[in-house]
Amino acid sequence: MSKPKLTTRTPDDPLLNALVDAHGSIIALPTDRRFAVVELSVPKIETRPATGEQQAHVQIVHVELLKAAEGESILLAAYKARTGNATPPREADDTPLEGIADLGDDEV
């Protein structure tokens, strides 16, 4: 079974996309964890002729950022309700951006 494909397009309107107003903060603090509530739509469903398998294309139509503690609480509650597990799997706490400030600072 295929998984839904999330399109990269987000609303340009700051009334529907809180990321627009938060862009400066995202640039200044790229490693901060952020949480959001999103509304999704399905603008397209593709069917593969050979197999009949269908894949939904899912698009974000509205995004609102949450305070970190509130967002984490909502995320954990939703994860537990969906899976029955109290603790979600986590990626490593270190970020691929760690040490990026050091790039190019090496003296030769």
N, C-alpha and C. Protein backbone atom coordinates (compact mmCIF):
# COMPACT_ATOMS: atom_id res chain seq x y z
N MET A 1 0.84 -1.18 0.00
CA MET A 1 0.00 0.00 0.00
C MET A 1 0.88 1.24 0.00
N SER A 2 0.55 2.18 -0.84
CA SER A 2 1.34 3.40 -0.89
C SER A 2 0.92 4.35 0.24
N LYS A 3 1.75 5.33 0.48
CA LYS A 3 1.43 6.31 1.52
C LYS A 3 1.00 7.61 0.84
N PRO A 4 0.28 8.47 1.54
CA PRO A 4 -0.09 9.76 0.96
C PRO A 4 1.16 10.57 0.65
N LYS A 5 1.06 11.36 -0.39
CA LYS A 5 2.17 12.24 -0.77
C LYS A 5 1.82 13.65 -0.33
N LEU A 6 2.68 14.23 0.52
CA LEU A 6 2.47 15.58 1.01
C LEU A 6 3.09 16.55 0.02
N THR A 7 2.27 17.45 -0.52
CA THR A 7 2.82 18.45 -1.42
C THR A 7 3.59 19.49 -0.63
N THR A 8 4.53 20.13 -1.26
CA THR A 8 5.36 21.11 -0.56
C THR A 8 4.74 22.50 -0.57
N ARG A 9 3.67 22.65 -1.26
CA ARG A 9 3.02 23.96 -1.37
C ARG A 9 2.26 24.28 -0.08
N THR A 10 2.50 25.47 0.44
CA THR A 10 1.75 25.96 1.60
C THR A 10 1.09 27.28 1.21
N PRO A 11 0.06 27.69 1.92
CA PRO A 11 -0.61 28.95 1.58
C PRO A 11 0.34 30.15 1.69
N ASP A 12 0.22 31.07 0.75
CA ASP A 12 1.03 32.30 0.78
C ASP A 12 0.42 33.35 1.70
N ASP A 13 -0.85 33.23 1.99
CA ASP A 13 -1.59 34.21 2.78
C ASP A 13 -1.24 34.06 4.26
N PRO A 14 -0.70 35.11 4.89
CA PRO A 14 -0.35 35.01 6.32
C PRO A 14 -1.57 34.78 7.21
N LEU A 15 -2.77 35.03 6.72
CA LEU A 15 -3.97 34.72 7.51
C LEU A 15 -4.22 33.22 7.58
N LEU A 16 -3.64 32.46 6.65
CA LEU A 16 -3.81 31.00 6.63
C LEU A 16 -2.51 30.26 6.93
N ASN A 17 -1.41 30.98 7.05
CA ASN A 17 -0.11 30.33 7.22
C ASN A 17 0.72 31.10 8.25
N ALA A 18 0.72 30.62 9.47
CA ALA A 18 1.47 31.28 10.55
C ALA A 18 2.98 31.23 10.31
N LEU A 19 3.44 30.35 9.43
CA LEU A 19 4.87 30.27 9.15
C LEU A 19 5.38 31.55 8.48
N VAL A 20 4.50 32.24 7.76
CA VAL A 20 4.91 33.48 7.09
C VAL A 20 5.39 34.49 8.12
N ASP A 21 4.59 34.73 9.15
CA ASP A 21 4.97 35.70 10.19
C ASP A 21 6.12 35.20 11.05
N ALA A 22 6.28 33.89 11.17
CA ALA A 22 7.32 33.32 12.02
C ALA A 22 8.63 33.08 11.27
N HIS A 23 8.68 33.43 10.00
CA HIS A 23 9.84 33.11 9.17
C HIS A 23 11.14 33.66 9.76
N GLY A 24 11.14 34.89 10.26
CA GLY A 24 12.35 35.46 10.86
C GLY A 24 12.84 34.65 12.05
N SER A 25 11.91 34.20 12.89
CA SER A 25 12.26 33.38 14.04
C SER A 25 12.79 32.01 13.61
N ILE A 26 12.22 31.47 12.56
CA ILE A 26 12.67 30.17 12.03
C ILE A 26 14.11 30.27 11.55
N ILE A 27 14.41 31.37 10.87
CA ILE A 27 15.79 31.58 10.39
C ILE A 27 16.73 31.79 11.57
N ALA A 28 16.32 32.60 12.53
CA ALA A 28 17.18 32.90 13.68
C ALA A 28 17.41 31.70 14.58
N LEU A 29 16.40 30.85 14.73
CA LEU A 29 16.47 29.69 15.64
C LEU A 29 16.04 28.42 14.92
N PRO A 30 16.81 27.98 13.92
CA PRO A 30 16.38 26.86 13.08
C PRO A 30 16.30 25.52 13.80
N THR A 31 16.99 25.36 14.92
CA THR A 31 16.99 24.07 15.60
C THR A 31 15.91 23.95 16.67
N ASP A 32 15.17 25.05 16.93
CA ASP A 32 14.07 24.99 17.90
C ASP A 32 12.99 24.04 17.40
N ARG A 33 12.45 23.26 18.31
CA ARG A 33 11.31 22.40 17.96
C ARG A 33 10.08 23.27 17.85
N ARG A 34 9.29 23.05 16.81
CA ARG A 34 8.06 23.81 16.59
C ARG A 34 6.92 22.83 16.38
N PHE A 35 5.75 23.24 16.82
CA PHE A 35 4.56 22.42 16.69
C PHE A 35 3.48 23.25 16.01
N ALA A 36 2.64 22.58 15.25
CA ALA A 36 1.58 23.29 14.53
C ALA A 36 0.35 22.42 14.43
N VAL A 37 -0.77 23.09 14.26
CA VAL A 37 -2.02 22.44 13.90
C VAL A 37 -2.23 22.78 12.44
N VAL A 38 -2.53 21.77 11.64
CA VAL A 38 -2.72 22.02 10.20
C VAL A 38 -4.06 21.49 9.73
N GLU A 39 -4.59 22.16 8.73
CA GLU A 39 -5.77 21.66 8.02
C GLU A 39 -5.28 21.16 6.68
N LEU A 40 -5.73 19.97 6.31
CA LEU A 40 -5.28 19.33 5.08
C LEU A 40 -6.43 19.21 4.09
N SER A 41 -6.10 19.25 2.81
CA SER A 41 -7.07 18.94 1.77
C SER A 41 -6.44 17.91 0.84
N VAL A 42 -7.26 17.28 0.04
CA VAL A 42 -6.79 16.29 -0.92
C VAL A 42 -7.17 16.79 -2.32
N PRO A 43 -6.26 17.54 -2.97
CA PRO A 43 -6.58 18.09 -4.28
C PRO A 43 -6.51 17.08 -5.42
N LYS A 44 -5.86 15.93 -5.17
CA LYS A 44 -5.68 14.97 -6.27
C LYS A 44 -5.48 13.57 -5.70
N ILE A 45 -6.02 12.59 -6.42
CA ILE A 45 -5.76 11.18 -6.14
C ILE A 45 -5.31 10.54 -7.44
N GLU A 46 -4.14 9.94 -7.41
CA GLU A 46 -3.59 9.26 -8.59
C GLU A 46 -3.88 7.77 -8.50
N THR A 47 -4.21 7.18 -9.63
CA THR A 47 -4.41 5.74 -9.71
C THR A 47 -3.40 5.18 -10.70
N ARG A 48 -2.64 4.20 -10.28
CA ARG A 48 -1.67 3.55 -11.17
C ARG A 48 -2.42 2.53 -12.03
N PRO A 49 -2.41 2.73 -13.34
CA PRO A 49 -3.19 1.86 -14.23
C PRO A 49 -2.83 0.37 -14.13
N ALA A 50 -1.55 0.07 -13.96
CA ALA A 50 -1.12 -1.33 -13.95
C ALA A 50 -1.60 -2.07 -12.72
N THR A 51 -1.66 -1.38 -11.58
CA THR A 51 -2.00 -2.06 -10.33
C THR A 51 -3.32 -1.63 -9.73
N GLY A 52 -3.83 -0.48 -10.16
CA GLY A 52 -5.04 0.06 -9.55
C GLY A 52 -4.79 0.72 -8.20
N GLU A 53 -3.53 0.70 -7.78
CA GLU A 53 -3.17 1.31 -6.49
C GLU A 53 -3.39 2.82 -6.56
N GLN A 54 -3.95 3.37 -5.48
CA GLN A 54 -4.21 4.80 -5.43
C GLN A 54 -3.30 5.49 -4.44
N GLN A 55 -2.98 6.73 -4.77
CA GLN A 55 -2.16 7.56 -3.88
C GLN A 55 -2.79 8.94 -3.79
N ALA A 56 -3.07 9.38 -2.56
CA ALA A 56 -3.63 10.70 -2.33
C ALA A 56 -2.51 11.74 -2.26
N HIS A 57 -2.74 12.87 -2.87
CA HIS A 57 -1.84 14.01 -2.73
C HIS A 57 -2.49 14.93 -1.70
N VAL A 58 -1.79 15.15 -0.59
CA VAL A 58 -2.33 15.91 0.53
C VAL A 58 -1.63 17.27 0.57
N GLN A 59 -2.42 18.32 0.75
CA GLN A 59 -1.88 19.67 0.75
C GLN A 59 -2.29 20.39 2.02
N ILE A 60 -1.36 21.14 2.59
CA ILE A 60 -1.66 21.98 3.76
C ILE A 60 -2.40 23.22 3.26
N VAL A 61 -3.58 23.47 3.84
CA VAL A 61 -4.34 24.65 3.44
C VAL A 61 -4.41 25.70 4.55
N HIS A 62 -4.06 25.30 5.78
CA HIS A 62 -4.04 26.25 6.90
C HIS A 62 -3.08 25.70 7.95
N VAL A 63 -2.21 26.55 8.45
CA VAL A 63 -1.26 26.14 9.48
C VAL A 63 -1.18 27.20 10.57
N GLU A 64 -1.31 26.76 11.81
CA GLU A 64 -1.18 27.63 12.98
C GLU A 64 -0.13 27.04 13.91
N LEU A 65 0.81 27.86 14.33
CA LEU A 65 1.85 27.42 15.26
C LEU A 65 1.30 27.41 16.68
N LEU A 66 1.80 26.49 17.48
CA LEU A 66 1.41 26.37 18.88
C LEU A 66 2.61 26.68 19.76
N LYS A 67 2.37 27.03 21.00
CA LYS A 67 3.45 27.14 21.97
C LYS A 67 4.03 25.75 22.15
N ALA A 68 5.32 25.66 22.38
CA ALA A 68 6.01 24.38 22.41
C ALA A 68 5.39 23.38 23.39
N ALA A 69 5.14 23.79 24.62
CA ALA A 69 4.58 22.87 25.62
C ALA A 69 3.19 22.39 25.21
N GLU A 70 2.37 23.32 24.72
CA GLU A 70 1.02 22.97 24.28
C GLU A 70 1.08 22.03 23.07
N GLY A 71 1.95 22.34 22.12
CA GLY A 71 2.07 21.52 20.93
C GLY A 71 2.57 20.12 21.23
N GLU A 72 3.56 20.03 22.11
CA GLU A 72 4.08 18.71 22.46
C GLU A 72 3.02 17.88 23.17
N SER A 73 2.25 18.51 24.03
CA SER A 73 1.18 17.82 24.74
C SER A 73 0.12 17.28 23.77
N ILE A 74 -0.28 18.11 22.82
CA ILE A 74 -1.27 17.70 21.82
C ILE A 74 -0.72 16.56 20.95
N LEU A 75 0.54 16.71 20.53
CA LEU A 75 1.17 15.68 19.70
C LEU A 75 1.22 14.34 20.44
N LEU A 76 1.66 14.36 21.69
CA LEU A 76 1.75 13.11 22.46
C LEU A 76 0.39 12.49 22.69
N ALA A 77 -0.63 13.31 22.97
CA ALA A 77 -1.98 12.78 23.18
C ALA A 77 -2.52 12.16 21.89
N ALA A 78 -2.31 12.81 20.77
CA ALA A 78 -2.78 12.28 19.49
C ALA A 78 -2.05 11.00 19.12
N TYR A 79 -0.74 10.96 19.37
CA TYR A 79 0.04 9.77 19.08
C TYR A 79 -0.44 8.59 19.92
N LYS A 80 -0.67 8.84 21.22
CA LYS A 80 -1.14 7.77 22.11
C LYS A 80 -2.52 7.29 21.68
N ALA A 81 -3.41 8.21 21.30
CA ALA A 81 -4.76 7.82 20.87
C ALA A 81 -4.71 6.98 19.59
N ARG A 82 -3.78 7.29 18.70
CA ARG A 82 -3.69 6.57 17.42
C ARG A 82 -3.00 5.22 17.57
N THR A 83 -1.94 5.15 18.39
CA THR A 83 -1.12 3.93 18.44
C THR A 83 -1.26 3.12 19.71
N GLY A 84 -1.72 3.78 20.79
CA GLY A 84 -1.76 3.12 22.09
C GLY A 84 -0.44 3.21 22.83
N ASN A 85 0.58 3.75 22.19
CA ASN A 85 1.90 3.90 22.82
C ASN A 85 2.00 5.27 23.48
N ALA A 86 2.53 5.31 24.68
CA ALA A 86 2.64 6.57 25.41
C ALA A 86 3.82 7.42 24.95
N THR A 87 4.86 6.78 24.44
CA THR A 87 6.07 7.50 24.04
C THR A 87 6.36 7.25 22.57
N PRO A 88 6.36 8.32 21.77
CA PRO A 88 6.65 8.13 20.34
C PRO A 88 8.13 7.89 20.11
N PRO A 89 8.45 7.21 19.02
CA PRO A 89 9.86 7.08 18.67
C PRO A 89 10.40 8.46 18.34
N ARG A 90 11.65 8.67 18.63
CA ARG A 90 12.27 9.99 18.43
C ARG A 90 13.50 9.86 17.58
N GLU A 91 13.71 10.86 16.77
CA GLU A 91 15.00 10.95 16.10
C GLU A 91 16.01 11.38 17.15
N ALA A 92 17.27 11.19 16.85
CA ALA A 92 18.31 11.60 17.80
C ALA A 92 18.16 13.08 18.13
N ASP A 93 18.47 13.44 19.36
CA ASP A 93 18.34 14.83 19.78
C ASP A 93 19.29 15.77 19.05
N ASP A 94 20.42 15.23 18.58
CA ASP A 94 21.32 16.12 17.86
C ASP A 94 20.73 16.40 16.48
N THR A 95 20.95 17.57 16.00
CA THR A 95 20.38 18.00 14.74
C THR A 95 21.46 18.01 13.67
N PRO A 96 21.08 17.78 12.41
CA PRO A 96 22.11 17.85 11.37
C PRO A 96 22.68 19.26 11.22
N LEU A 97 22.02 20.24 11.84
CA LEU A 97 22.53 21.61 11.78
C LEU A 97 23.55 21.89 12.87
N GLU A 98 23.71 20.93 13.80
CA GLU A 98 24.66 21.14 14.89
C GLU A 98 26.06 21.36 14.32
N GLY A 99 26.71 22.40 14.79
CA GLY A 99 28.05 22.69 14.34
C GLY A 99 28.11 23.49 13.06
N ILE A 100 26.96 23.86 12.51
CA ILE A 100 26.98 24.57 11.23
C ILE A 100 27.67 25.92 11.36
N ALA A 101 27.62 26.52 12.54
CA ALA A 101 28.29 27.80 12.75
C ALA A 101 29.79 27.67 12.61
N ASP A 102 30.31 26.46 12.81
CA ASP A 102 31.75 26.24 12.73
C ASP A 102 32.24 26.09 11.30
N LEU A 103 31.34 25.89 10.35
CA LEU A 103 31.75 25.69 8.97
C LEU A 103 32.48 26.92 8.46
N GLY A 104 33.58 26.70 7.83
CA GLY A 104 34.34 27.79 7.23
C GLY A 104 35.20 28.57 8.22
N ASP A 105 35.16 28.21 9.49
CA ASP A 105 35.95 28.93 10.49
C ASP A 105 37.33 28.32 10.69
N ASP A 106 37.58 27.20 10.03
CA ASP A 106 38.87 26.55 10.21
C ASP A 106 39.98 27.40 9.58
N GLU A 107 41.03 27.57 10.33
CA GLU A 107 42.18 28.30 9.79
C GLU A 107 43.08 27.31 9.14
N VAL A 108 43.61 27.70 7.99
CA VAL A 108 44.48 26.80 7.24
C VAL A 108 45.91 27.21 7.39
